[in-house]
């Protein structure tokens, strides 16, 4: 067996050029096949989407109600505070986004100062800051809640009206 392997080895060494050429040709054929299969590849065509009617045009009844309110109102939709921000800020314009971020930072700082003033018992200063915030951002949830707390505290601190104490309206 060992002798047969030695004979085969000697034959390969004598014909090394032919072996190298065959090896190179096989690799070249494989590379050509892979290259041609990639360049001739066509994307499969997706089937068309199923044609079924849309029963629910909106995700929920709240969206339907909101849209119907906008459609039925006579005033301009741009006056709504929720929509005005969409109109005011262009998310594709860096300057617009930067100015909006500055506005949000200023509102955040003013709100923190208003909370501090309220917690320290300076309701007038807190209300002034909250009003300034609500002029810039009418939908600011924290400012609206703080304003309601300030108004509730003032209403609780007011003495009852003289007519109410006597039982007459």
Protein backbone atom coordinates (compact mmCIF):
# COMPACT_ATOMS: atom_id res chain seq x y z
CA UNK A 1 0.00 0.00 0.00
CA UNK A 2 2.85 2.27 0.86
CA UNK A 3 4.49 1.57 -2.48
CA UNK A 4 1.31 2.46 -4.37
CA UNK A 5 1.14 5.82 -2.59
CA UNK A 6 4.77 6.51 -3.40
CA UNK A 7 4.14 5.75 -7.07
CA UNK A 8 1.07 8.01 -7.09
CA UNK A 9 3.07 10.79 -5.42
CA UNK A 10 5.84 10.54 -8.01
CA UNK A 11 3.29 10.69 -10.86
CA UNK A 12 1.73 13.82 -9.32
CA UNK A 13 5.12 15.48 -8.97
CA UNK A 14 5.93 14.72 -12.61
CA UNK A 15 2.60 16.24 -13.68
CA UNK A 16 2.49 19.08 -11.14
CA UNK A 17 1.88 21.66 -13.83
CA UNK A 18 -1.21 19.86 -15.08
CA UNK A 19 -2.51 19.39 -11.49
CA UNK A 20 -2.03 23.10 -10.78
CA UNK A 21 -3.78 24.10 -14.02
CA UNK A 22 -6.74 21.79 -13.29
CA UNK A 23 -6.97 23.07 -9.70
CA UNK A 24 -6.91 26.69 -10.93
CA UNK A 25 -9.50 25.94 -13.66
CA UNK A 26 -11.89 24.36 -11.15
CA UNK A 27 -11.60 27.37 -8.81
CA UNK A 28 -12.07 29.77 -11.71
CA UNK A 29 -15.21 27.89 -12.83
CA UNK A 30 -16.67 28.00 -9.32
CA UNK A 31 -15.95 31.74 -9.01
CA UNK A 32 -17.54 32.41 -12.41
CA UNK A 33 -20.63 30.40 -11.47
CA UNK A 34 -21.07 32.26 -8.17
CA UNK A 35 -20.53 35.64 -9.82
CA UNK A 36 -23.02 34.97 -12.60
CA UNK A 37 -25.64 33.66 -10.20
CA UNK A 38 -25.39 36.85 -8.12
CA UNK A 39 -25.61 39.22 -11.09
CA UNK A 40 -28.58 37.38 -12.59
CA UNK A 41 -30.48 37.24 -9.31
CA UNK A 42 -33.91 38.81 -9.48
CA UNK A 43 -35.90 39.88 -6.46
CA UNK A 44 -39.03 37.83 -5.99
CA UNK A 45 -42.17 39.78 -6.72
CA UNK A 46 -44.36 40.25 -3.67
CA UNK A 47 -48.00 39.35 -4.09
CA UNK A 48 -50.41 42.29 -4.05
CA UNK A 49 -51.99 43.04 -0.68
CA UNK A 50 -55.40 41.52 -0.09
CA UNK A 51 -58.25 43.79 -1.05
CA UNK A 52 -60.55 43.85 1.94
CA UNK A 53 -62.63 46.80 3.06
CA UNK A 54 -61.50 48.89 6.00
CA UNK A 55 -64.16 48.60 8.66
CA UNK A 56 -62.43 50.82 11.19
CA UNK A 57 -60.89 53.91 9.65
CA UNK A 58 -59.49 55.11 12.97
CA UNK A 59 -57.68 53.18 15.70
CA UNK A 60 -60.29 54.05 18.32
CA UNK A 61 -63.41 56.06 18.99
CA UNK A 62 -61.32 58.81 20.58
CA UNK A 63 -59.55 59.47 17.29
CA UNK A 64 -62.89 59.54 15.49
CA UNK A 65 -64.30 61.98 18.04
CA UNK A 66 -61.23 64.21 17.87
CA UNK A 67 -61.31 64.32 14.09
CA UNK A 68 -65.04 65.02 13.99
CA UNK A 69 -64.53 67.90 16.45
CA UNK A 70 -61.92 69.44 14.15
CA UNK A 71 -64.04 68.92 11.06
CA UNK A 72 -67.19 70.38 12.62
CA UNK A 73 -65.66 73.45 14.23
CA UNK A 74 -65.77 76.81 12.53
CA UNK A 75 -62.52 78.23 13.92
CA UNK A 76 -59.15 77.69 12.31
CA UNK A 77 -57.49 74.43 13.34
CA UNK A 78 -54.12 76.20 13.66
CA UNK A 79 -55.44 78.03 16.74
CA UNK A 80 -55.61 74.77 18.66
CA UNK A 81 -52.59 74.55 21.01
CA UNK A 82 -52.05 70.88 20.19
CA UNK A 83 -51.82 71.62 16.48
CA UNK A 84 -49.96 74.92 16.70
CA UNK A 85 -46.75 73.21 17.80
CA UNK A 86 -46.87 70.97 14.70
CA UNK A 87 -47.23 74.06 12.56
CA UNK A 88 -44.57 76.06 14.42
CA UNK A 89 -41.83 73.39 14.49
CA UNK A 90 -40.38 71.96 11.30
CA UNK A 91 -38.68 68.75 12.38
CA UNK A 92 -36.55 68.75 9.22
CA UNK A 93 -35.08 72.20 9.91
CA UNK A 94 -32.19 72.17 12.39
CA UNK A 95 -32.77 75.79 13.43
CA UNK A 96 -36.43 75.15 14.15
CA UNK A 97 -35.63 72.06 16.20
CA UNK A 98 -32.88 73.89 18.10
CA UNK A 99 -35.18 76.81 18.94
CA UNK A 100 -37.86 74.37 20.09
CA UNK A 101 -35.33 72.61 22.32
CA UNK A 102 -34.28 75.97 23.78
CA UNK A 103 -37.93 76.82 24.42
CA UNK A 104 -38.48 73.48 26.14
CA UNK A 105 -35.39 74.00 28.31
CA UNK A 106 -36.58 77.49 29.29
CA UNK A 107 -40.04 76.15 30.08
CA UNK A 108 -38.52 73.34 32.15
CA UNK A 109 -36.38 75.81 34.12
CA UNK A 110 -39.32 78.15 34.72
CA UNK A 111 -41.46 75.22 35.85
CA UNK A 112 -38.81 74.12 38.36
CA UNK A 113 -38.66 77.69 39.71
CA UNK A 114 -42.47 77.81 39.90
CA UNK A 115 -42.54 74.54 41.84
CA UNK A 116 -39.89 75.85 44.23
CA UNK A 117 -41.77 79.11 44.71
CA UNK A 118 -45.01 77.22 45.38
CA UNK A 119 -43.37 74.86 47.87
CA UNK A 120 -41.82 77.87 49.66
CA UNK A 121 -45.24 79.54 49.95
CA UNK A 122 -44.77 82.23 47.28
CA UNK A 123 -47.95 81.51 45.35
CA UNK A 124 -47.99 84.86 43.50
CA UNK A 125 -44.54 84.29 42.02
CA UNK A 126 -45.40 80.68 41.19
CA UNK A 127 -48.59 81.78 39.44
CA UNK A 128 -46.72 84.44 37.47
CA UNK A 129 -44.18 81.84 36.29
CA UNK A 130 -46.91 79.33 35.46
CA UNK A 131 -48.81 81.92 33.43
CA UNK A 132 -45.63 82.73 31.49
CA UNK A 133 -45.14 79.03 30.78
CA UNK A 134 -48.73 78.57 29.64
CA UNK A 135 -48.43 81.51 27.25
CA UNK A 136 -45.48 79.75 25.56
CA UNK A 137 -46.84 76.21 25.86
CA UNK A 138 -50.59 76.05 26.67
CA UNK A 139 -50.56 72.24 26.86
CA UNK A 140 -47.80 71.97 29.51
CA UNK A 141 -49.34 69.43 31.86
CA UNK A 142 -47.29 70.26 34.96
CA UNK A 143 -48.01 73.98 34.70
CA UNK A 144 -51.72 73.37 34.25
CA UNK A 145 -51.77 71.12 37.32
CA UNK A 146 -49.77 73.60 39.40
CA UNK A 147 -52.10 76.44 38.37
CA UNK A 148 -55.10 74.36 39.46
CA UNK A 149 -53.41 73.68 42.82
CA UNK A 150 -52.69 77.38 43.32
CA UNK A 151 -56.28 78.29 42.46
CA UNK A 152 -57.60 75.57 44.78
CA UNK A 153 -55.39 76.82 47.62
CA UNK A 154 -56.61 80.37 47.09
CA UNK A 155 -60.24 79.24 46.97
CA UNK A 156 -59.77 77.30 50.21
CA UNK A 157 -58.09 80.29 51.88
CA UNK A 158 -60.86 82.77 50.97
CA UNK A 159 -63.41 83.43 53.70
CA UNK A 160 -66.95 82.39 52.83
CA UNK A 161 -69.05 85.09 51.18
CA UNK A 162 -71.34 87.07 53.52
CA UNK A 163 -74.49 85.94 51.69
CA UNK A 164 -73.43 82.32 51.84
CA UNK A 165 -72.96 82.56 55.60
CA UNK A 166 -76.55 83.79 56.03
CA UNK A 167 -77.92 81.05 53.78
CA UNK A 168 -78.93 83.24 50.87
CA UNK A 169 -77.34 82.94 47.47
